[in-house]
Amino acid sequence: MKRTILAILLALALVVIPVSSAFAETTQDVTVTASPAILSISNTPDNWPIDSPNKMTHNTTYWSNDVDNTTAPGEPVAAADCRFTVTNNGDITADIGISFPDFDDGAATLLMPNSDTGSATATEFGAKAYREGDANSGAYTTLTVASVDDVITNLAGTETKNWGLQVETQTNVFTDGTPMQSVVVLTAEEHT
């Protein structure tokens, strides 16, 4: 009788008290997290009205400064000579390329093409970029319709660089008073 009661109690114990191997974990999860390093730039301001305070004229050189657009930057170029500030908002050190497309009427009607040489011709404008710290105009970078790489180089995350544009208008007199525009494009690439 004792054996029977003991056998029943043992059987009940095995049913009520689980065997530890029945609840053993056979899988485990690992959560992997990451914050990616990004490449991101911004530029301020995002416009330059060349014709302020007067209309743009032929055979004239304009500089994007806040003086009068016809005053050349100093030598070396100072921050006050630069209208624009590009900021690396990312974590990756960047090189900035710049393209300066042809002027059109905003609807793709070509009004004044870029010579791609930095100098004006009879019917084309020339464009260059300058940076704060450039020693003189010989250090400016010629801008073309296609992006020119490395106009601003080695811009670390959160760093800024002041820069400006120089435009030499065509040497021929303008014969069409249609307002024109060009959208200058800045492109960031990882510095290598």
N, C-alpha and C. Protein backbone atom coordinates (compact mmCIF):
# COMPACT_ATOMS: atom_id res chain seq x y z
N MET A 1 0.82 -1.16 0.00
CA MET A 1 0.00 0.00 0.00
C MET A 1 0.88 1.25 0.00
N LYS A 2 1.89 1.20 0.80
CA LYS A 2 2.80 2.32 0.85
C LYS A 2 3.45 2.51 -0.52
N ARG A 3 3.74 1.36 -1.12
CA ARG A 3 4.37 1.47 -2.44
C ARG A 3 3.40 2.05 -3.46
N THR A 4 2.19 1.69 -3.38
CA THR A 4 1.20 2.19 -4.32
C THR A 4 0.99 3.67 -4.11
N ILE A 5 0.87 4.10 -2.87
CA ILE A 5 0.71 5.53 -2.57
C ILE A 5 1.95 6.29 -3.02
N LEU A 6 3.10 5.73 -2.76
CA LEU A 6 4.35 6.36 -3.19
C LEU A 6 4.44 6.46 -4.71
N ALA A 7 4.00 5.43 -5.41
CA ALA A 7 4.01 5.43 -6.88
C ALA A 7 3.04 6.47 -7.41
N ILE A 8 1.85 6.58 -6.77
CA ILE A 8 0.85 7.57 -7.19
C ILE A 8 1.39 8.97 -6.95
N LEU A 9 2.00 9.19 -5.76
CA LEU A 9 2.56 10.51 -5.44
C LEU A 9 3.69 10.88 -6.41
N LEU A 10 4.50 9.90 -6.75
CA LEU A 10 5.59 10.13 -7.69
C LEU A 10 5.03 10.47 -9.07
N ALA A 11 4.00 9.76 -9.50
CA ALA A 11 3.38 10.03 -10.79
C ALA A 11 2.76 11.42 -10.79
N LEU A 12 2.06 11.78 -9.70
CA LEU A 12 1.49 13.12 -9.58
C LEU A 12 2.58 14.18 -9.58
N ALA A 13 3.65 13.92 -8.90
CA ALA A 13 4.75 14.88 -8.85
C ALA A 13 5.33 15.12 -10.23
N LEU A 14 5.46 14.07 -11.03
CA LEU A 14 6.00 14.23 -12.38
C LEU A 14 5.03 15.00 -13.27
N VAL A 15 3.74 14.86 -13.03
CA VAL A 15 2.75 15.59 -13.82
C VAL A 15 2.68 17.05 -13.36
N VAL A 16 2.64 17.26 -12.05
CA VAL A 16 2.50 18.61 -11.51
C VAL A 16 3.80 19.40 -11.60
N ILE A 17 4.93 18.81 -11.30
CA ILE A 17 6.22 19.48 -11.34
C ILE A 17 6.86 19.13 -12.68
N PRO A 18 7.00 20.11 -13.56
CA PRO A 18 7.55 19.81 -14.89
C PRO A 18 9.02 19.44 -14.82
N VAL A 19 9.40 18.63 -15.74
CA VAL A 19 10.80 18.25 -15.88
C VAL A 19 11.49 19.44 -16.52
N SER A 20 12.63 19.85 -16.03
CA SER A 20 13.29 21.06 -16.49
C SER A 20 13.65 21.00 -17.98
N SER A 21 13.97 19.87 -18.52
CA SER A 21 14.35 19.78 -19.92
C SER A 21 13.16 20.04 -20.83
N ALA A 22 11.94 19.90 -20.34
CA ALA A 22 10.77 20.16 -21.15
C ALA A 22 10.63 21.66 -21.44
N PHE A 23 11.22 22.53 -20.62
CA PHE A 23 11.13 23.98 -20.79
C PHE A 23 12.47 24.61 -21.18
N ALA A 24 13.37 23.84 -21.64
CA ALA A 24 14.68 24.37 -22.04
C ALA A 24 14.53 25.21 -23.30
N GLU A 25 15.25 26.33 -23.38
CA GLU A 25 15.25 27.20 -24.55
C GLU A 25 16.10 26.58 -25.64
N THR A 26 15.54 26.54 -26.83
CA THR A 26 16.30 25.98 -27.95
C THR A 26 16.70 27.06 -28.95
N THR A 27 16.15 28.29 -28.78
CA THR A 27 16.56 29.41 -29.65
C THR A 27 16.69 30.67 -28.81
N GLN A 28 17.51 31.60 -29.31
CA GLN A 28 17.67 32.91 -28.67
C GLN A 28 17.71 33.97 -29.76
N ASP A 29 17.18 35.15 -29.48
CA ASP A 29 17.19 36.26 -30.43
C ASP A 29 18.27 37.26 -30.05
N VAL A 30 18.89 37.83 -31.04
CA VAL A 30 19.84 38.92 -30.84
C VAL A 30 19.36 40.09 -31.69
N THR A 31 19.10 41.24 -31.08
CA THR A 31 18.67 42.42 -31.82
C THR A 31 19.91 43.23 -32.17
N VAL A 32 20.10 43.43 -33.45
CA VAL A 32 21.24 44.21 -33.93
C VAL A 32 20.72 45.59 -34.31
N THR A 33 21.33 46.63 -33.76
CA THR A 33 20.91 48.00 -34.06
C THR A 33 22.09 48.75 -34.68
N ALA A 34 21.77 49.75 -35.48
CA ALA A 34 22.82 50.55 -36.10
C ALA A 34 22.26 51.91 -36.49
N SER A 35 23.09 52.91 -36.42
CA SER A 35 22.77 54.24 -36.92
C SER A 35 23.73 54.52 -38.05
N PRO A 36 23.24 54.56 -39.30
CA PRO A 36 24.15 54.72 -40.43
C PRO A 36 24.75 56.12 -40.51
N ALA A 37 25.99 56.18 -40.92
CA ALA A 37 26.63 57.46 -41.21
C ALA A 37 26.05 57.94 -42.53
N ILE A 38 25.69 59.22 -42.59
CA ILE A 38 25.03 59.73 -43.80
C ILE A 38 25.85 60.83 -44.47
N LEU A 39 25.54 61.03 -45.72
CA LEU A 39 26.12 62.10 -46.53
C LEU A 39 24.97 63.05 -46.83
N SER A 40 25.06 64.28 -46.30
CA SER A 40 23.97 65.23 -46.45
C SER A 40 24.53 66.65 -46.38
N ILE A 41 24.12 67.51 -47.34
CA ILE A 41 24.57 68.90 -47.33
C ILE A 41 23.38 69.84 -47.43
N SER A 42 23.60 71.07 -47.01
CA SER A 42 22.63 72.15 -47.25
C SER A 42 23.42 73.38 -47.65
N ASN A 43 22.74 74.31 -48.29
CA ASN A 43 23.39 75.53 -48.75
C ASN A 43 22.44 76.71 -48.53
N THR A 44 22.98 77.78 -47.95
CA THR A 44 22.17 78.98 -47.74
C THR A 44 22.94 80.21 -48.18
N PRO A 45 22.27 81.23 -48.70
CA PRO A 45 20.89 81.19 -49.17
C PRO A 45 20.79 80.35 -50.43
N ASP A 46 19.58 80.18 -50.93
CA ASP A 46 19.39 79.32 -52.10
C ASP A 46 19.10 80.12 -53.37
N ASN A 47 19.48 81.40 -53.37
CA ASN A 47 19.27 82.21 -54.58
C ASN A 47 20.31 83.33 -54.66
N TRP A 48 20.44 83.91 -55.83
CA TRP A 48 21.32 85.05 -56.05
C TRP A 48 20.72 85.89 -57.18
N PRO A 49 20.09 87.00 -56.83
CA PRO A 49 19.56 87.89 -57.86
C PRO A 49 20.68 88.77 -58.42
N ILE A 50 21.30 88.33 -59.52
CA ILE A 50 22.40 89.09 -60.12
C ILE A 50 21.98 90.52 -60.43
N ASP A 51 20.73 90.67 -60.85
CA ASP A 51 20.28 91.99 -61.29
C ASP A 51 19.83 92.90 -60.15
N SER A 52 20.28 92.65 -58.96
CA SER A 52 19.96 93.54 -57.85
C SER A 52 21.20 94.36 -57.50
N PRO A 53 21.16 95.67 -57.49
CA PRO A 53 19.98 96.54 -57.60
C PRO A 53 19.62 96.94 -59.04
N ASN A 54 20.46 96.62 -60.02
CA ASN A 54 20.21 97.02 -61.40
C ASN A 54 20.06 95.80 -62.29
N LYS A 55 19.56 96.01 -63.51
CA LYS A 55 19.44 94.90 -64.46
C LYS A 55 20.82 94.41 -64.88
N MET A 56 20.92 93.10 -65.18
CA MET A 56 22.17 92.51 -65.63
C MET A 56 22.51 93.08 -67.00
N THR A 57 23.77 93.44 -67.18
CA THR A 57 24.21 94.01 -68.46
C THR A 57 25.24 93.10 -69.11
N HIS A 58 25.44 93.29 -70.41
CA HIS A 58 26.42 92.50 -71.16
C HIS A 58 27.84 92.94 -70.78
N ASN A 59 28.80 92.07 -71.05
CA ASN A 59 30.22 92.36 -70.88
C ASN A 59 30.55 92.90 -69.48
N THR A 60 29.96 92.25 -68.48
CA THR A 60 30.14 92.69 -67.09
C THR A 60 30.44 91.46 -66.24
N THR A 61 31.30 91.63 -65.25
CA THR A 61 31.59 90.55 -64.30
C THR A 61 30.85 90.82 -63.00
N TYR A 62 30.15 89.80 -62.53
CA TYR A 62 29.38 89.88 -61.28
C TYR A 62 29.94 88.87 -60.28
N TRP A 63 29.96 89.27 -59.01
CA TRP A 63 30.38 88.38 -57.93
C TRP A 63 29.24 88.29 -56.93
N SER A 64 29.00 87.12 -56.41
CA SER A 64 27.90 86.93 -55.44
C SER A 64 28.35 87.34 -54.06
N ASN A 65 28.30 88.62 -53.82
CA ASN A 65 28.59 89.12 -52.48
C ASN A 65 27.40 89.97 -52.04
N ASP A 66 27.42 90.43 -50.84
CA ASP A 66 26.30 91.23 -50.34
C ASP A 66 26.59 92.72 -50.43
N VAL A 67 27.59 93.10 -51.23
CA VAL A 67 27.92 94.51 -51.39
C VAL A 67 27.06 95.10 -52.50
N ASP A 68 27.40 94.79 -53.76
CA ASP A 68 26.64 95.32 -54.89
C ASP A 68 26.72 94.43 -56.12
N ASN A 69 27.24 93.24 -55.98
CA ASN A 69 27.38 92.25 -57.06
C ASN A 69 28.42 92.62 -58.11
N THR A 70 29.00 93.81 -58.05
CA THR A 70 30.05 94.16 -59.02
C THR A 70 31.38 94.46 -58.32
N THR A 71 31.45 94.20 -57.04
CA THR A 71 32.69 94.40 -56.29
C THR A 71 33.40 93.05 -56.16
N ALA A 72 34.63 93.00 -56.68
CA ALA A 72 35.41 91.75 -56.62
C ALA A 72 35.78 91.42 -55.18
N PRO A 73 35.89 90.12 -54.88
CA PRO A 73 36.35 89.71 -53.55
C PRO A 73 37.76 90.20 -53.28
N GLY A 74 38.08 90.31 -52.00
CA GLY A 74 39.43 90.69 -51.62
C GLY A 74 40.41 89.56 -51.87
N GLU A 75 41.67 89.86 -51.67
CA GLU A 75 42.73 88.85 -51.81
C GLU A 75 43.52 88.82 -50.51
N PRO A 76 43.38 87.78 -49.71
CA PRO A 76 42.58 86.57 -49.93
C PRO A 76 41.08 86.84 -49.74
N VAL A 77 40.28 85.90 -50.23
CA VAL A 77 38.83 86.01 -50.13
C VAL A 77 38.41 85.90 -48.66
N ALA A 78 37.61 86.85 -48.21
CA ALA A 78 37.12 86.86 -46.83
C ALA A 78 35.69 86.32 -46.79
N ALA A 79 35.22 85.99 -45.60
CA ALA A 79 33.85 85.48 -45.44
C ALA A 79 32.83 86.47 -45.98
N ALA A 80 33.07 87.76 -45.78
CA ALA A 80 32.13 88.79 -46.25
C ALA A 80 32.04 88.85 -47.78
N ASP A 81 33.03 88.28 -48.48
CA ASP A 81 33.02 88.26 -49.95
C ASP A 81 32.16 87.12 -50.49
N CYS A 82 31.68 86.26 -49.62
CA CYS A 82 30.98 85.04 -50.02
C CYS A 82 29.50 85.14 -49.66
N ARG A 83 28.65 84.95 -50.64
CA ARG A 83 27.20 84.98 -50.39
C ARG A 83 26.71 83.68 -49.78
N PHE A 84 27.32 82.58 -50.14
CA PHE A 84 26.78 81.26 -49.79
C PHE A 84 27.59 80.57 -48.69
N THR A 85 26.89 79.70 -47.95
CA THR A 85 27.53 78.84 -46.96
C THR A 85 27.00 77.43 -47.16
N VAL A 86 27.90 76.50 -47.47
CA VAL A 86 27.52 75.09 -47.58
C VAL A 86 27.86 74.43 -46.25
N THR A 87 26.95 73.58 -45.79
CA THR A 87 27.11 72.88 -44.51
C THR A 87 27.03 71.38 -44.74
N ASN A 88 27.98 70.66 -44.16
CA ASN A 88 27.92 69.20 -44.18
C ASN A 88 27.07 68.78 -42.99
N ASN A 89 25.84 68.36 -43.25
CA ASN A 89 24.92 67.95 -42.19
C ASN A 89 25.08 66.47 -41.82
N GLY A 90 25.96 65.79 -42.51
CA GLY A 90 26.14 64.36 -42.30
C GLY A 90 27.31 64.04 -41.41
N ASP A 91 27.68 62.76 -41.43
CA ASP A 91 28.78 62.25 -40.62
C ASP A 91 30.00 61.93 -41.46
N ILE A 92 29.82 61.92 -42.78
CA ILE A 92 30.87 61.51 -43.70
C ILE A 92 31.56 62.75 -44.27
N THR A 93 32.88 62.77 -44.26
CA THR A 93 33.62 63.89 -44.86
C THR A 93 33.31 63.93 -46.35
N ALA A 94 33.01 65.14 -46.84
CA ALA A 94 32.50 65.28 -48.20
C ALA A 94 33.37 66.16 -49.07
N ASP A 95 33.32 65.89 -50.36
CA ASP A 95 33.82 66.78 -51.40
C ASP A 95 32.59 67.29 -52.14
N ILE A 96 32.58 68.57 -52.47
CA ILE A 96 31.42 69.19 -53.09
C ILE A 96 31.75 69.55 -54.53
N GLY A 97 30.97 69.02 -55.45
CA GLY A 97 31.05 69.39 -56.86
C GLY A 97 29.97 70.41 -57.18
N ILE A 98 30.22 71.24 -58.18
CA ILE A 98 29.24 72.27 -58.56
C ILE A 98 29.09 72.29 -60.08
N SER A 99 27.85 72.35 -60.54
CA SER A 99 27.60 72.56 -61.97
C SER A 99 26.82 73.87 -62.13
N PHE A 100 27.08 74.56 -63.24
CA PHE A 100 26.40 75.83 -63.54
C PHE A 100 25.81 75.71 -64.94
N PRO A 101 24.55 75.28 -65.03
CA PRO A 101 23.91 75.08 -66.33
C PRO A 101 23.70 76.40 -67.09
N ASP A 102 23.31 76.25 -68.35
CA ASP A 102 23.00 77.40 -69.19
C ASP A 102 21.84 78.21 -68.59
N PHE A 103 21.80 79.50 -68.91
CA PHE A 103 20.65 80.33 -68.55
C PHE A 103 19.54 80.07 -69.55
N ASP A 104 18.31 79.91 -69.01
CA ASP A 104 17.15 79.78 -69.88
C ASP A 104 16.01 80.61 -69.30
N ASP A 105 14.85 80.52 -69.91
CA ASP A 105 13.70 81.31 -69.47
C ASP A 105 12.87 80.60 -68.41
N GLY A 106 13.36 79.52 -67.88
CA GLY A 106 12.61 78.73 -66.90
C GLY A 106 11.76 77.67 -67.56
N ALA A 107 11.72 77.68 -68.89
CA ALA A 107 10.94 76.69 -69.65
C ALA A 107 11.81 76.05 -70.72
N ALA A 108 13.10 76.01 -70.48
CA ALA A 108 14.07 75.32 -71.34
C ALA A 108 14.38 76.02 -72.67
N THR A 109 13.98 77.28 -72.81
CA THR A 109 14.40 78.05 -73.99
C THR A 109 15.75 78.67 -73.68
N LEU A 110 16.77 78.24 -74.38
CA LEU A 110 18.14 78.68 -74.12
C LEU A 110 18.29 80.17 -74.41
N LEU A 111 18.81 80.92 -73.42
CA LEU A 111 19.00 82.35 -73.59
C LEU A 111 20.46 82.76 -73.55
N MET A 112 21.27 82.11 -72.68
CA MET A 112 22.69 82.42 -72.60
C MET A 112 23.42 81.16 -72.13
N PRO A 113 24.15 80.48 -73.03
CA PRO A 113 24.83 79.25 -72.63
C PRO A 113 26.12 79.52 -71.84
N ASN A 114 26.52 78.51 -71.08
CA ASN A 114 27.78 78.55 -70.35
C ASN A 114 28.89 78.18 -71.33
N SER A 115 29.96 78.98 -71.37
CA SER A 115 31.08 78.70 -72.27
C SER A 115 31.90 77.50 -71.80
N ASP A 116 31.74 77.10 -70.55
CA ASP A 116 32.51 76.01 -69.93
C ASP A 116 34.00 76.32 -69.84
N THR A 117 34.38 77.58 -70.03
CA THR A 117 35.79 77.97 -69.95
C THR A 117 36.08 78.92 -68.80
N GLY A 118 35.03 79.43 -68.17
CA GLY A 118 35.20 80.41 -67.11
C GLY A 118 35.23 81.84 -67.63
N SER A 119 35.29 81.99 -68.95
CA SER A 119 35.34 83.32 -69.58
C SER A 119 34.17 83.49 -70.53
N ALA A 120 33.73 84.74 -70.68
CA ALA A 120 32.63 85.04 -71.58
C ALA A 120 33.10 85.06 -73.02
N THR A 121 32.16 84.77 -73.92
CA THR A 121 32.37 84.94 -75.36
C THR A 121 31.28 85.90 -75.83
N ALA A 122 31.17 86.08 -77.11
CA ALA A 122 30.16 86.99 -77.66
C ALA A 122 28.75 86.61 -77.23
N THR A 123 28.47 85.31 -77.15
CA THR A 123 27.11 84.86 -76.84
C THR A 123 27.02 83.91 -75.66
N GLU A 124 28.12 83.71 -74.93
CA GLU A 124 28.14 82.78 -73.80
C GLU A 124 28.68 83.47 -72.55
N PHE A 125 28.23 82.98 -71.40
CA PHE A 125 28.77 83.50 -70.14
C PHE A 125 29.85 82.56 -69.62
N GLY A 126 30.69 83.09 -68.75
CA GLY A 126 31.69 82.29 -68.07
C GLY A 126 31.39 82.28 -66.58
N ALA A 127 31.68 81.17 -65.92
CA ALA A 127 31.37 81.05 -64.49
C ALA A 127 32.52 80.43 -63.73
N LYS A 128 32.72 80.94 -62.52
CA LYS A 128 33.73 80.40 -61.61
C LYS A 128 33.19 80.39 -60.19
N ALA A 129 33.77 79.55 -59.36
CA ALA A 129 33.44 79.52 -57.94
C ALA A 129 34.69 79.92 -57.16
N TYR A 130 34.46 80.64 -56.08
CA TYR A 130 35.57 80.98 -55.19
C TYR A 130 35.18 80.61 -53.76
N ARG A 131 36.17 80.41 -52.93
CA ARG A 131 35.98 79.99 -51.56
C ARG A 131 36.67 80.94 -50.61
N GLU A 132 36.12 81.07 -49.42
CA GLU A 132 36.81 81.85 -48.39
C GLU A 132 38.21 81.29 -48.23
N GLY A 133 39.20 82.16 -48.25
CA GLY A 133 40.58 81.73 -48.09
C GLY A 133 41.35 81.63 -49.40
N ASP A 134 40.65 81.63 -50.56
CA ASP A 134 41.37 81.63 -51.84
C ASP A 134 42.28 82.84 -51.88
N ALA A 135 43.53 82.62 -52.28
CA ALA A 135 44.52 83.70 -52.27
C ALA A 135 44.19 84.81 -53.25
N ASN A 136 43.72 84.44 -54.44
CA ASN A 136 43.40 85.43 -55.47
C ASN A 136 42.54 84.77 -56.53
N SER A 137 42.22 85.53 -57.59
CA SER A 137 41.32 85.00 -58.62
C SER A 137 41.92 83.80 -59.36
N GLY A 138 43.22 83.64 -59.32
CA GLY A 138 43.86 82.48 -59.94
C GLY A 138 43.49 81.17 -59.25
N ALA A 139 42.98 81.26 -58.03
CA ALA A 139 42.58 80.06 -57.27
C ALA A 139 41.12 79.69 -57.50
N TYR A 140 40.37 80.52 -58.21
CA TYR A 140 38.96 80.22 -58.47
C TYR A 140 38.86 78.98 -59.35
N THR A 141 37.73 78.28 -59.27
CA THR A 141 37.49 77.08 -60.05
C THR A 141 36.49 77.37 -61.16
N THR A 142 36.85 77.03 -62.40
CA THR A 142 35.95 77.20 -63.54
C THR A 142 34.78 76.23 -63.40
N LEU A 143 33.57 76.76 -63.59
CA LEU A 143 32.37 75.93 -63.50
C LEU A 143 31.80 75.67 -64.89
N THR A 144 31.36 74.45 -65.09
CA THR A 144 30.82 74.03 -66.39
C THR A 144 29.39 73.53 -66.23
N VAL A 145 28.76 73.23 -67.36
CA VAL A 145 27.41 72.68 -67.32
C VAL A 145 27.43 71.33 -66.60
N ALA A 146 28.44 70.51 -66.88
CA ALA A 146 28.62 69.25 -66.15
C ALA A 146 29.25 69.57 -64.80
N SER A 147 28.99 68.75 -63.81
CA SER A 147 29.52 69.02 -62.47
C SER A 147 31.04 68.98 -62.45
N VAL A 148 31.61 69.98 -61.81
CA VAL A 148 33.06 70.03 -61.59
C VAL A 148 33.31 69.47 -60.19
N ASP A 149 34.07 68.39 -60.11
CA ASP A 149 34.32 67.75 -58.83
C ASP A 149 35.26 68.58 -57.97
N ASP A 150 35.14 68.37 -56.69
CA ASP A 150 36.09 68.88 -55.71
C ASP A 150 36.26 70.40 -55.73
N VAL A 151 35.16 71.14 -55.90
CA VAL A 151 35.24 72.60 -55.78
C VAL A 151 35.50 72.95 -54.32
N ILE A 152 34.85 72.21 -53.43
CA ILE A 152 35.09 72.33 -51.99
C ILE A 152 35.46 70.92 -51.54
N THR A 153 36.60 70.78 -50.89
CA THR A 153 37.09 69.45 -50.54
C THR A 153 37.23 69.27 -49.04
N ASN A 154 37.14 68.00 -48.64
CA ASN A 154 37.45 67.58 -47.28
C ASN A 154 36.60 68.31 -46.23
N LEU A 155 35.31 68.46 -46.51
CA LEU A 155 34.40 69.14 -45.59
C LEU A 155 33.86 68.11 -44.60
N ALA A 156 34.37 68.17 -43.38
CA ALA A 156 34.00 67.20 -42.34
C ALA A 156 32.56 67.42 -41.89
N GLY A 157 32.00 66.38 -41.25
CA GLY A 157 30.64 66.48 -40.71
C GLY A 157 30.50 67.68 -39.80
N THR A 158 29.41 68.39 -39.94
CA THR A 158 29.04 69.61 -39.22
C THR A 158 29.87 70.84 -39.59
N GLU A 159 30.85 70.70 -40.47
CA GLU A 159 31.64 71.87 -40.89
C GLU A 159 30.91 72.66 -41.96
N THR A 160 31.26 73.94 -42.06
CA THR A 160 30.71 74.81 -43.09
C THR A 160 31.85 75.42 -43.90
N LYS A 161 31.51 75.88 -45.11
CA LYS A 161 32.48 76.57 -45.96
C LYS A 161 31.75 77.70 -46.67
N ASN A 162 32.30 78.91 -46.58
CA ASN A 162 31.75 80.05 -47.29
C ASN A 162 32.30 80.05 -48.71
N TRP A 163 31.44 80.39 -49.67
CA TRP A 163 31.85 80.36 -51.06
C TRP A 163 31.00 81.34 -51.87
N GLY A 164 31.43 81.59 -53.09
CA GLY A 164 30.70 82.51 -53.95
C GLY A 164 30.83 82.15 -55.41
N LEU A 165 30.10 82.90 -56.24
CA LEU A 165 30.10 82.71 -57.69
C LEU A 165 30.57 83.97 -58.39
N GLN A 166 31.25 83.76 -59.48
CA GLN A 166 31.63 84.85 -60.38
C GLN A 166 31.01 84.52 -61.74
N VAL A 167 30.32 85.50 -62.33
CA VAL A 167 29.72 85.33 -63.65
C VAL A 167 30.16 86.48 -64.55
N GLU A 168 30.75 86.12 -65.69
CA GLU A 168 31.06 87.10 -66.74
C GLU A 168 29.98 86.96 -67.79
N THR A 169 29.20 88.02 -68.02
CA THR A 169 28.12 87.93 -69.00
C THR A 169 28.66 88.02 -70.41
N GLN A 170 27.85 87.56 -71.37
CA GLN A 170 28.25 87.58 -72.78
C GLN A 170 28.69 88.98 -73.19
N THR A 171 29.59 89.05 -74.15
CA THR A 171 30.12 90.35 -74.56
C THR A 171 29.19 91.09 -75.52
N ASN A 172 28.35 90.38 -76.25
CA ASN A 172 27.36 91.03 -77.13
C ASN A 172 26.24 91.64 -76.29
N VAL A 173 25.64 92.71 -76.81
CA VAL A 173 24.50 93.33 -76.16
C VAL A 173 23.33 92.34 -76.16
N PHE A 174 22.59 92.31 -75.05
CA PHE A 174 21.39 91.47 -75.01
C PHE A 174 20.34 92.07 -75.94
N THR A 175 19.69 91.24 -76.73
CA THR A 175 18.66 91.71 -77.65
C THR A 175 17.28 91.22 -77.25
N ASP A 176 17.21 90.46 -76.18
CA ASP A 176 15.95 89.92 -75.69
C ASP A 176 15.87 90.21 -74.19
N GLY A 177 14.80 90.84 -73.77
CA GLY A 177 14.65 91.20 -72.36
C GLY A 177 13.98 90.15 -71.51
N THR A 178 13.87 88.93 -72.04
CA THR A 178 13.23 87.84 -71.29
C THR A 178 14.02 87.54 -70.02
N PRO A 179 13.36 87.54 -68.85
CA PRO A 179 14.08 87.16 -67.63
C PRO A 179 14.66 85.76 -67.78
N MET A 180 15.87 85.57 -67.22
CA MET A 180 16.53 84.28 -67.35
C MET A 180 16.98 83.76 -66.00
N GLN A 181 17.21 82.45 -65.98
CA GLN A 181 17.67 81.80 -64.75
C GLN A 181 18.55 80.61 -65.07
N SER A 182 19.35 80.24 -64.08
CA SER A 182 20.13 79.01 -64.12
C SER A 182 20.10 78.44 -62.72
N VAL A 183 19.93 77.15 -62.61
CA VAL A 183 19.90 76.51 -61.30
C VAL A 183 21.25 75.81 -61.09
N VAL A 184 22.08 76.42 -60.26
CA VAL A 184 23.39 75.88 -59.92
C VAL A 184 23.19 74.70 -58.99
N VAL A 185 23.87 73.60 -59.26
CA VAL A 185 23.67 72.37 -58.49
C VAL A 185 24.94 72.01 -57.73
N LEU A 186 24.82 71.80 -56.42
CA LEU A 186 25.90 71.31 -55.58
C LEU A 186 25.67 69.82 -55.35
N THR A 187 26.73 69.03 -55.50
CA THR A 187 26.63 67.59 -55.33
C THR A 187 27.72 67.13 -54.37
N ALA A 188 27.33 66.42 -53.34
CA ALA A 188 28.28 65.91 -52.34
C ALA A 188 28.65 64.47 -52.66
N GLU A 189 29.93 64.17 -52.53
CA GLU A 189 30.44 62.81 -52.64
C GLU A 189 31.35 62.55 -51.45
N GLU A 190 31.49 61.29 -51.10
CA GLU A 190 32.38 60.96 -49.99
C GLU A 190 33.82 61.30 -50.35
N HIS A 191 34.50 61.99 -49.43
CA HIS A 191 35.91 62.32 -49.64
C HIS A 191 36.74 61.05 -49.54
N THR A 192 37.59 60.85 -50.52
CA THR A 192 38.46 59.66 -50.49
C THR A 192 39.91 60.06 -50.46
